[in-house]
Amino acid sequence: MRIALYQPDIAGNVGAILRTAACMGIGVDLIEPMGFTWSEKAVARSGMDYVGVVDVVRHVDWDTFLAQVTGRIVLLTTKGAVRLDVAEFREDDVLLMGSEGAGVPEDVHARADVRVLIPMRPGLRSMNISVATGIVAAEALRQTGGWPS
């Protein structure tokens, strides 16, 4: 299982996701361009010293990322999706998160094998991306028995 971030905007969110991924034993794919200049220093505050522990792969664009994907792409989205509480995950899934500001374009949305929605109270737009990533990753690991021992 891996987490993929599509053109993330905010270094602090990326750092928090890297920290969570490191603790969960999940690798992270960063799909560029990003809304900030990549460096371990840029994500250090929220990622602490965990950034060097997680397997991070940077991709210059969506097509480069797609060429390397071997499992299903599971998109976390607020649009027309399977609720998280009924979604079924596999060990080789790639959990894809859109950018904080724009999400993902329609072609990326259409390419996803599964679209997952975290149920929320009506009238609210979305959760923080790092929180949402942790929620979905935890459920995926629970289902697949992938938690670190």
N, C-alpha and C. Protein backbone atom coordinates (compact mmCIF):
# COMPACT_ATOMS: atom_id res chain seq x y z
N MET A 1 0.85 -1.17 0.00
CA MET A 1 0.00 0.00 0.00
C MET A 1 0.89 1.24 0.00
N ARG A 2 0.42 2.27 -0.72
CA ARG A 2 1.14 3.54 -0.75
C ARG A 2 0.13 4.67 -0.69
N ILE A 3 0.61 5.84 -0.32
CA ILE A 3 -0.16 7.08 -0.36
C ILE A 3 0.42 7.91 -1.49
N ALA A 4 -0.43 8.51 -2.31
CA ALA A 4 0.03 9.40 -3.38
C ALA A 4 -0.64 10.76 -3.19
N LEU A 5 0.16 11.82 -3.30
CA LEU A 5 -0.34 13.18 -3.17
C LEU A 5 -0.24 13.86 -4.52
N TYR A 6 -1.39 14.25 -5.07
CA TYR A 6 -1.44 14.88 -6.38
C TYR A 6 -1.24 16.39 -6.24
N GLN A 7 -0.10 16.87 -6.70
CA GLN A 7 0.23 18.30 -6.73
C GLN A 7 -0.14 19.02 -5.43
N PRO A 8 0.43 18.55 -4.30
CA PRO A 8 0.10 19.17 -3.02
C PRO A 8 0.54 20.64 -2.96
N ASP A 9 -0.25 21.44 -2.23
CA ASP A 9 0.00 22.88 -2.14
C ASP A 9 0.77 23.30 -0.90
N ILE A 10 0.60 22.59 0.21
CA ILE A 10 1.04 23.09 1.50
C ILE A 10 2.08 22.14 2.12
N ALA A 11 3.29 22.67 2.32
CA ALA A 11 4.39 21.86 2.85
C ALA A 11 4.05 21.25 4.20
N GLY A 12 3.37 21.99 5.05
CA GLY A 12 3.01 21.48 6.38
C GLY A 12 2.12 20.26 6.31
N ASN A 13 1.18 20.26 5.39
CA ASN A 13 0.32 19.08 5.23
C ASN A 13 1.12 17.88 4.72
N VAL A 14 2.01 18.12 3.78
CA VAL A 14 2.85 17.03 3.27
C VAL A 14 3.70 16.47 4.40
N GLY A 15 4.27 17.34 5.21
CA GLY A 15 5.08 16.88 6.35
C GLY A 15 4.27 16.02 7.31
N ALA A 16 3.05 16.46 7.61
CA ALA A 16 2.20 15.69 8.52
C ALA A 16 1.85 14.33 7.92
N ILE A 17 1.59 14.29 6.63
CA ILE A 17 1.28 13.01 5.96
C ILE A 17 2.51 12.11 5.95
N LEU A 18 3.68 12.67 5.70
CA LEU A 18 4.91 11.87 5.72
C LEU A 18 5.14 11.28 7.11
N ARG A 19 4.89 12.06 8.13
CA ARG A 19 5.05 11.58 9.51
C ARG A 19 4.09 10.42 9.78
N THR A 20 2.82 10.59 9.41
CA THR A 20 1.83 9.53 9.59
C THR A 20 2.23 8.28 8.80
N ALA A 21 2.64 8.47 7.55
CA ALA A 21 3.03 7.35 6.70
C ALA A 21 4.23 6.60 7.29
N ALA A 22 5.19 7.34 7.81
CA ALA A 22 6.36 6.71 8.42
C ALA A 22 5.94 5.82 9.59
N CYS A 23 5.06 6.33 10.43
CA CYS A 23 4.60 5.55 11.59
C CYS A 23 3.80 4.33 11.18
N MET A 24 3.07 4.43 10.08
CA MET A 24 2.23 3.32 9.61
C MET A 24 2.98 2.36 8.69
N GLY A 25 4.18 2.72 8.28
CA GLY A 25 4.95 1.87 7.38
C GLY A 25 4.47 1.90 5.94
N ILE A 26 3.98 3.06 5.51
CA ILE A 26 3.45 3.23 4.15
C ILE A 26 4.35 4.20 3.38
N GLY A 27 4.70 3.88 2.15
CA GLY A 27 5.46 4.78 1.30
C GLY A 27 4.57 5.87 0.72
N VAL A 28 5.20 6.96 0.27
CA VAL A 28 4.46 8.11 -0.26
C VAL A 28 5.01 8.51 -1.62
N ASP A 29 4.09 8.72 -2.57
CA ASP A 29 4.43 9.24 -3.89
C ASP A 29 3.98 10.69 -3.96
N LEU A 30 4.87 11.57 -4.38
CA LEU A 30 4.56 12.99 -4.57
C LEU A 30 4.51 13.27 -6.06
N ILE A 31 3.33 13.70 -6.53
CA ILE A 31 3.14 13.97 -7.95
C ILE A 31 3.25 15.47 -8.17
N GLU A 32 4.25 15.88 -8.92
CA GLU A 32 4.53 17.30 -9.14
C GLU A 32 3.73 17.83 -10.32
N PRO A 33 3.66 19.17 -10.43
CA PRO A 33 4.33 20.17 -9.61
C PRO A 33 3.63 20.35 -8.26
N MET A 34 4.42 20.79 -7.29
CA MET A 34 3.90 21.07 -5.96
C MET A 34 3.80 22.58 -5.78
N GLY A 35 3.02 23.00 -4.82
CA GLY A 35 2.82 24.42 -4.57
C GLY A 35 3.91 25.04 -3.72
N PHE A 36 5.00 24.33 -3.51
CA PHE A 36 6.12 24.82 -2.72
C PHE A 36 7.38 24.14 -3.25
N THR A 37 8.52 24.70 -2.93
CA THR A 37 9.78 24.10 -3.35
C THR A 37 10.10 22.95 -2.41
N TRP A 38 10.27 21.76 -2.97
CA TRP A 38 10.50 20.57 -2.15
C TRP A 38 11.87 20.62 -1.48
N SER A 39 11.87 20.35 -0.21
CA SER A 39 13.09 20.10 0.55
C SER A 39 12.66 19.47 1.87
N GLU A 40 13.56 18.69 2.47
CA GLU A 40 13.22 18.12 3.77
C GLU A 40 13.00 19.23 4.79
N LYS A 41 13.70 20.35 4.62
CA LYS A 41 13.52 21.47 5.53
C LYS A 41 12.11 22.05 5.43
N ALA A 42 11.54 22.09 4.22
CA ALA A 42 10.20 22.66 4.02
C ALA A 42 9.14 21.87 4.78
N VAL A 43 9.34 20.57 4.92
CA VAL A 43 8.34 19.73 5.59
C VAL A 43 8.78 19.31 7.00
N ALA A 44 9.91 19.83 7.46
CA ALA A 44 10.49 19.38 8.72
C ALA A 44 9.65 19.71 9.94
N ARG A 45 9.02 20.87 9.97
CA ARG A 45 8.28 21.27 11.17
C ARG A 45 7.16 20.28 11.49
N SER A 46 6.34 19.95 10.50
CA SER A 46 5.24 19.03 10.74
C SER A 46 5.66 17.57 10.60
N GLY A 47 6.70 17.32 9.82
CA GLY A 47 7.16 15.95 9.62
C GLY A 47 8.19 15.50 10.63
N MET A 48 8.68 16.45 11.42
CA MET A 48 9.72 16.20 12.42
C MET A 48 10.89 15.46 11.77
N ASP A 49 11.48 14.54 12.50
CA ASP A 49 12.61 13.80 11.94
C ASP A 49 12.16 12.47 11.31
N TYR A 50 10.86 12.36 11.02
CA TYR A 50 10.31 11.15 10.42
C TYR A 50 10.46 11.14 8.90
N VAL A 51 10.73 12.30 8.31
CA VAL A 51 10.76 12.42 6.86
C VAL A 51 11.79 11.47 6.24
N GLY A 52 12.92 11.32 6.88
CA GLY A 52 13.96 10.43 6.36
C GLY A 52 13.66 8.95 6.53
N VAL A 53 12.60 8.63 7.27
CA VAL A 53 12.25 7.24 7.55
C VAL A 53 11.28 6.67 6.52
N VAL A 54 10.49 7.54 5.89
CA VAL A 54 9.46 7.09 4.95
C VAL A 54 10.03 6.99 3.53
N ASP A 55 9.55 6.00 2.78
CA ASP A 55 9.95 5.84 1.38
C ASP A 55 9.19 6.86 0.54
N VAL A 56 9.87 7.92 0.11
CA VAL A 56 9.26 8.97 -0.70
C VAL A 56 9.76 8.86 -2.13
N VAL A 57 8.82 8.84 -3.08
CA VAL A 57 9.16 8.84 -4.50
C VAL A 57 8.51 10.06 -5.12
N ARG A 58 9.32 10.89 -5.78
CA ARG A 58 8.80 12.07 -6.47
C ARG A 58 8.63 11.75 -7.95
N HIS A 59 7.49 12.19 -8.50
CA HIS A 59 7.17 11.98 -9.92
C HIS A 59 7.02 13.35 -10.57
N VAL A 60 7.63 13.55 -11.72
CA VAL A 60 7.60 14.86 -12.36
C VAL A 60 6.21 15.26 -12.83
N ASP A 61 5.33 14.26 -13.05
CA ASP A 61 3.96 14.57 -13.48
C ASP A 61 3.08 13.33 -13.31
N TRP A 62 1.80 13.49 -13.61
CA TRP A 62 0.81 12.43 -13.48
C TRP A 62 1.15 11.22 -14.35
N ASP A 63 1.56 11.45 -15.59
CA ASP A 63 1.86 10.34 -16.50
C ASP A 63 3.03 9.50 -16.01
N THR A 64 4.04 10.14 -15.45
CA THR A 64 5.19 9.42 -14.90
C THR A 64 4.75 8.56 -13.72
N PHE A 65 3.89 9.12 -12.88
CA PHE A 65 3.33 8.36 -11.76
C PHE A 65 2.56 7.15 -12.27
N LEU A 66 1.66 7.37 -13.23
CA LEU A 66 0.83 6.28 -13.77
C LEU A 66 1.67 5.13 -14.32
N ALA A 67 2.78 5.46 -14.96
CA ALA A 67 3.64 4.44 -15.55
C ALA A 67 4.24 3.51 -14.50
N GLN A 68 4.26 3.95 -13.24
CA GLN A 68 4.88 3.15 -12.19
C GLN A 68 3.88 2.50 -11.24
N VAL A 69 2.60 2.81 -11.38
CA VAL A 69 1.58 2.24 -10.49
C VAL A 69 1.34 0.78 -10.84
N THR A 70 1.32 -0.07 -9.82
CA THR A 70 1.04 -1.49 -10.05
C THR A 70 -0.29 -1.93 -9.44
N GLY A 71 -0.80 -1.20 -8.46
CA GLY A 71 -2.06 -1.56 -7.82
C GLY A 71 -3.20 -0.67 -8.27
N ARG A 72 -4.33 -0.81 -7.59
CA ARG A 72 -5.48 0.05 -7.88
C ARG A 72 -5.22 1.46 -7.37
N ILE A 73 -5.77 2.43 -8.08
CA ILE A 73 -5.74 3.81 -7.60
C ILE A 73 -7.06 4.06 -6.88
N VAL A 74 -6.96 4.36 -5.59
CA VAL A 74 -8.12 4.63 -4.75
C VAL A 74 -8.10 6.12 -4.43
N LEU A 75 -8.99 6.87 -5.05
CA LEU A 75 -9.03 8.32 -4.89
C LEU A 75 -9.93 8.70 -3.72
N LEU A 76 -9.41 9.51 -2.83
CA LEU A 76 -10.22 10.09 -1.77
C LEU A 76 -10.85 11.35 -2.34
N THR A 77 -12.20 11.41 -2.38
CA THR A 77 -12.89 12.51 -3.04
C THR A 77 -14.20 12.83 -2.35
N THR A 78 -14.71 14.01 -2.59
CA THR A 78 -16.03 14.39 -2.08
C THR A 78 -17.10 14.21 -3.14
N LYS A 79 -16.71 13.73 -4.33
CA LYS A 79 -17.64 13.62 -5.46
C LYS A 79 -17.97 12.16 -5.79
N GLY A 80 -19.24 11.81 -5.76
CA GLY A 80 -19.73 10.52 -6.23
C GLY A 80 -18.88 9.33 -5.89
N ALA A 81 -18.85 8.94 -4.64
CA ALA A 81 -17.91 7.93 -4.22
C ALA A 81 -18.55 6.88 -3.32
N VAL A 82 -17.79 5.81 -3.09
CA VAL A 82 -18.15 4.77 -2.15
C VAL A 82 -17.81 5.28 -0.74
N ARG A 83 -18.74 5.16 0.17
CA ARG A 83 -18.48 5.59 1.54
C ARG A 83 -17.35 4.76 2.15
N LEU A 84 -16.53 5.41 2.96
CA LEU A 84 -15.39 4.74 3.58
C LEU A 84 -15.84 3.52 4.40
N ASP A 85 -16.97 3.61 5.06
CA ASP A 85 -17.41 2.51 5.92
C ASP A 85 -17.87 1.27 5.15
N VAL A 86 -17.99 1.36 3.83
CA VAL A 86 -18.32 0.18 3.02
C VAL A 86 -17.26 -0.10 1.95
N ALA A 87 -16.26 0.74 1.85
CA ALA A 87 -15.18 0.55 0.86
C ALA A 87 -14.35 -0.68 1.24
N GLU A 88 -13.85 -1.36 0.21
CA GLU A 88 -12.99 -2.53 0.42
C GLU A 88 -11.60 -2.23 -0.15
N PHE A 89 -10.59 -2.46 0.68
CA PHE A 89 -9.21 -2.14 0.30
C PHE A 89 -8.41 -3.41 0.07
N ARG A 90 -7.33 -3.24 -0.73
CA ARG A 90 -6.40 -4.32 -1.03
C ARG A 90 -4.99 -3.90 -0.61
N GLU A 91 -4.13 -4.87 -0.41
CA GLU A 91 -2.77 -4.60 0.04
C GLU A 91 -1.98 -3.74 -0.94
N ASP A 92 -2.27 -3.84 -2.24
CA ASP A 92 -1.48 -3.10 -3.24
C ASP A 92 -2.15 -1.80 -3.68
N ASP A 93 -3.15 -1.34 -2.95
CA ASP A 93 -3.82 -0.08 -3.30
C ASP A 93 -2.89 1.12 -3.15
N VAL A 94 -3.11 2.11 -4.00
CA VAL A 94 -2.46 3.41 -3.88
C VAL A 94 -3.56 4.39 -3.50
N LEU A 95 -3.44 4.98 -2.31
CA LEU A 95 -4.44 5.91 -1.79
C LEU A 95 -4.09 7.31 -2.29
N LEU A 96 -4.86 7.82 -3.23
CA LEU A 96 -4.56 9.08 -3.91
C LEU A 96 -5.34 10.23 -3.30
N MET A 97 -4.63 11.29 -2.93
CA MET A 97 -5.24 12.50 -2.39
C MET A 97 -5.00 13.65 -3.36
N GLY A 98 -6.01 14.46 -3.60
CA GLY A 98 -5.87 15.62 -4.47
C GLY A 98 -5.22 16.78 -3.74
N SER A 99 -4.93 17.84 -4.48
CA SER A 99 -4.33 19.03 -3.86
C SER A 99 -5.35 19.70 -2.95
N GLU A 100 -4.84 20.43 -1.98
CA GLU A 100 -5.69 21.07 -0.99
C GLU A 100 -6.64 22.08 -1.62
N GLY A 101 -6.19 22.79 -2.63
CA GLY A 101 -7.01 23.84 -3.22
C GLY A 101 -7.94 23.39 -4.32
N ALA A 102 -7.47 22.47 -5.17
CA ALA A 102 -8.23 22.12 -6.37
C ALA A 102 -8.65 20.66 -6.46
N GLY A 103 -8.20 19.83 -5.55
CA GLY A 103 -8.50 18.40 -5.67
C GLY A 103 -7.74 17.81 -6.83
N VAL A 104 -8.43 17.08 -7.71
CA VAL A 104 -7.81 16.53 -8.92
C VAL A 104 -8.65 16.92 -10.12
N PRO A 105 -8.04 17.04 -11.30
CA PRO A 105 -8.82 17.32 -12.51
C PRO A 105 -9.68 16.11 -12.90
N GLU A 106 -10.60 16.33 -13.79
CA GLU A 106 -11.56 15.29 -14.19
C GLU A 106 -10.88 14.05 -14.75
N ASP A 107 -9.79 14.21 -15.53
CA ASP A 107 -9.14 13.02 -16.10
C ASP A 107 -8.51 12.15 -15.02
N VAL A 108 -8.00 12.76 -13.97
CA VAL A 108 -7.44 11.99 -12.85
C VAL A 108 -8.57 11.31 -12.09
N HIS A 109 -9.65 12.05 -11.87
CA HIS A 109 -10.83 11.49 -11.19
C HIS A 109 -11.36 10.27 -11.96
N ALA A 110 -11.43 10.40 -13.27
CA ALA A 110 -11.94 9.31 -14.11
C ALA A 110 -11.01 8.10 -14.12
N ARG A 111 -9.71 8.33 -13.96
CA ARG A 111 -8.72 7.24 -14.00
C ARG A 111 -8.73 6.39 -12.73
N ALA A 112 -9.25 6.93 -11.63
CA ALA A 112 -9.26 6.18 -10.37
C ALA A 112 -10.08 4.90 -10.52
N ASP A 113 -9.58 3.83 -9.94
CA ASP A 113 -10.29 2.56 -9.95
C ASP A 113 -11.43 2.55 -8.94
N VAL A 114 -11.23 3.25 -7.84
CA VAL A 114 -12.23 3.36 -6.78
C VAL A 114 -12.19 4.79 -6.26
N ARG A 115 -13.36 5.34 -5.93
CA ARG A 115 -13.45 6.69 -5.36
C ARG A 115 -14.09 6.55 -3.99
N VAL A 116 -13.38 7.00 -2.95
CA VAL A 116 -13.83 6.83 -1.58
C VAL A 116 -14.18 8.18 -0.96
N LEU A 117 -15.27 8.20 -0.24
CA LEU A 117 -15.79 9.39 0.43
C LEU A 117 -15.81 9.14 1.93
N ILE A 118 -15.27 10.08 2.71
CA ILE A 118 -15.42 10.02 4.16
C ILE A 118 -16.73 10.72 4.50
N PRO A 119 -17.70 10.01 5.09
CA PRO A 119 -18.97 10.65 5.43
C PRO A 119 -18.75 11.79 6.43
N MET A 120 -19.43 12.91 6.19
CA MET A 120 -19.31 14.08 7.08
C MET A 120 -20.69 14.69 7.29
N ARG A 121 -20.76 15.57 8.26
CA ARG A 121 -22.00 16.31 8.49
C ARG A 121 -22.34 17.15 7.27
N PRO A 122 -23.63 17.28 6.95
CA PRO A 122 -24.05 18.11 5.81
C PRO A 122 -23.59 19.56 5.98
N GLY A 123 -23.31 20.20 4.84
CA GLY A 123 -22.95 21.61 4.84
C GLY A 123 -21.48 21.90 5.02
N LEU A 124 -20.68 20.88 5.26
CA LEU A 124 -19.24 21.06 5.41
C LEU A 124 -18.54 20.53 4.16
N ARG A 125 -17.50 21.26 3.71
CA ARG A 125 -16.87 20.92 2.43
C ARG A 125 -15.91 19.75 2.51
N SER A 126 -14.95 19.84 3.42
CA SER A 126 -13.92 18.81 3.43
C SER A 126 -13.12 18.86 4.73
N MET A 127 -12.39 17.78 4.97
CA MET A 127 -11.47 17.71 6.11
C MET A 127 -10.09 18.18 5.66
N ASN A 128 -9.24 18.45 6.62
CA ASN A 128 -7.84 18.70 6.33
C ASN A 128 -7.26 17.45 5.66
N ILE A 129 -6.46 17.64 4.64
CA ILE A 129 -5.94 16.52 3.85
C ILE A 129 -5.11 15.54 4.68
N SER A 130 -4.34 16.05 5.64
CA SER A 130 -3.53 15.13 6.43
C SER A 130 -4.40 14.30 7.37
N VAL A 131 -5.45 14.89 7.91
CA VAL A 131 -6.37 14.14 8.77
C VAL A 131 -7.11 13.09 7.94
N ALA A 132 -7.63 13.50 6.79
CA ALA A 132 -8.37 12.57 5.92
C ALA A 132 -7.47 11.41 5.47
N THR A 133 -6.22 11.72 5.15
CA THR A 133 -5.28 10.68 4.73
C THR A 133 -5.09 9.66 5.85
N GLY A 134 -4.91 10.14 7.07
CA GLY A 134 -4.74 9.23 8.20
C GLY A 134 -5.94 8.35 8.44
N ILE A 135 -7.14 8.93 8.31
CA ILE A 135 -8.37 8.16 8.51
C ILE A 135 -8.48 7.03 7.48
N VAL A 136 -8.28 7.36 6.22
CA VAL A 136 -8.41 6.36 5.16
C VAL A 136 -7.29 5.32 5.26
N ALA A 137 -6.07 5.76 5.52
CA ALA A 137 -4.96 4.81 5.63
C ALA A 137 -5.18 3.85 6.79
N ALA A 138 -5.69 4.34 7.91
CA ALA A 138 -5.95 3.47 9.06
C ALA A 138 -6.98 2.40 8.72
N GLU A 139 -8.04 2.79 8.04
CA GLU A 139 -9.06 1.81 7.65
C GLU A 139 -8.50 0.80 6.64
N ALA A 140 -7.72 1.29 5.69
CA ALA A 140 -7.13 0.39 4.70
C ALA A 140 -6.18 -0.62 5.36
N LEU A 141 -5.37 -0.16 6.29
CA LEU A 141 -4.46 -1.07 7.00
C LEU A 141 -5.24 -2.05 7.88
N ARG A 142 -6.31 -1.58 8.50
CA ARG A 142 -7.14 -2.47 9.33
C ARG A 142 -7.69 -3.62 8.48
N GLN A 143 -8.23 -3.26 7.32
CA GLN A 143 -8.83 -4.28 6.46
C GLN A 143 -7.82 -5.27 5.90
N THR A 144 -6.63 -4.80 5.60
CA THR A 144 -5.64 -5.64 4.93
C THR A 144 -4.65 -6.30 5.89
N GLY A 145 -4.78 -6.01 7.17
CA GLY A 145 -3.84 -6.57 8.14
C GLY A 145 -2.45 -6.00 7.98
N GLY A 146 -2.37 -4.77 7.51
CA GLY A 146 -1.09 -4.17 7.19
C GLY A 146 -0.44 -3.34 8.27
N TRP A 147 -1.04 -3.29 9.47
CA TRP A 147 -0.44 -2.49 10.54
C TRP A 147 0.93 -3.05 10.91
N PRO A 148 1.90 -2.17 11.21
CA PRO A 148 3.21 -2.65 11.65
C PRO A 148 3.07 -3.48 12.93
N SER A 149 3.96 -4.45 13.10
CA SER A 149 3.86 -5.28 14.31
C SER A 149 4.70 -4.73 15.44
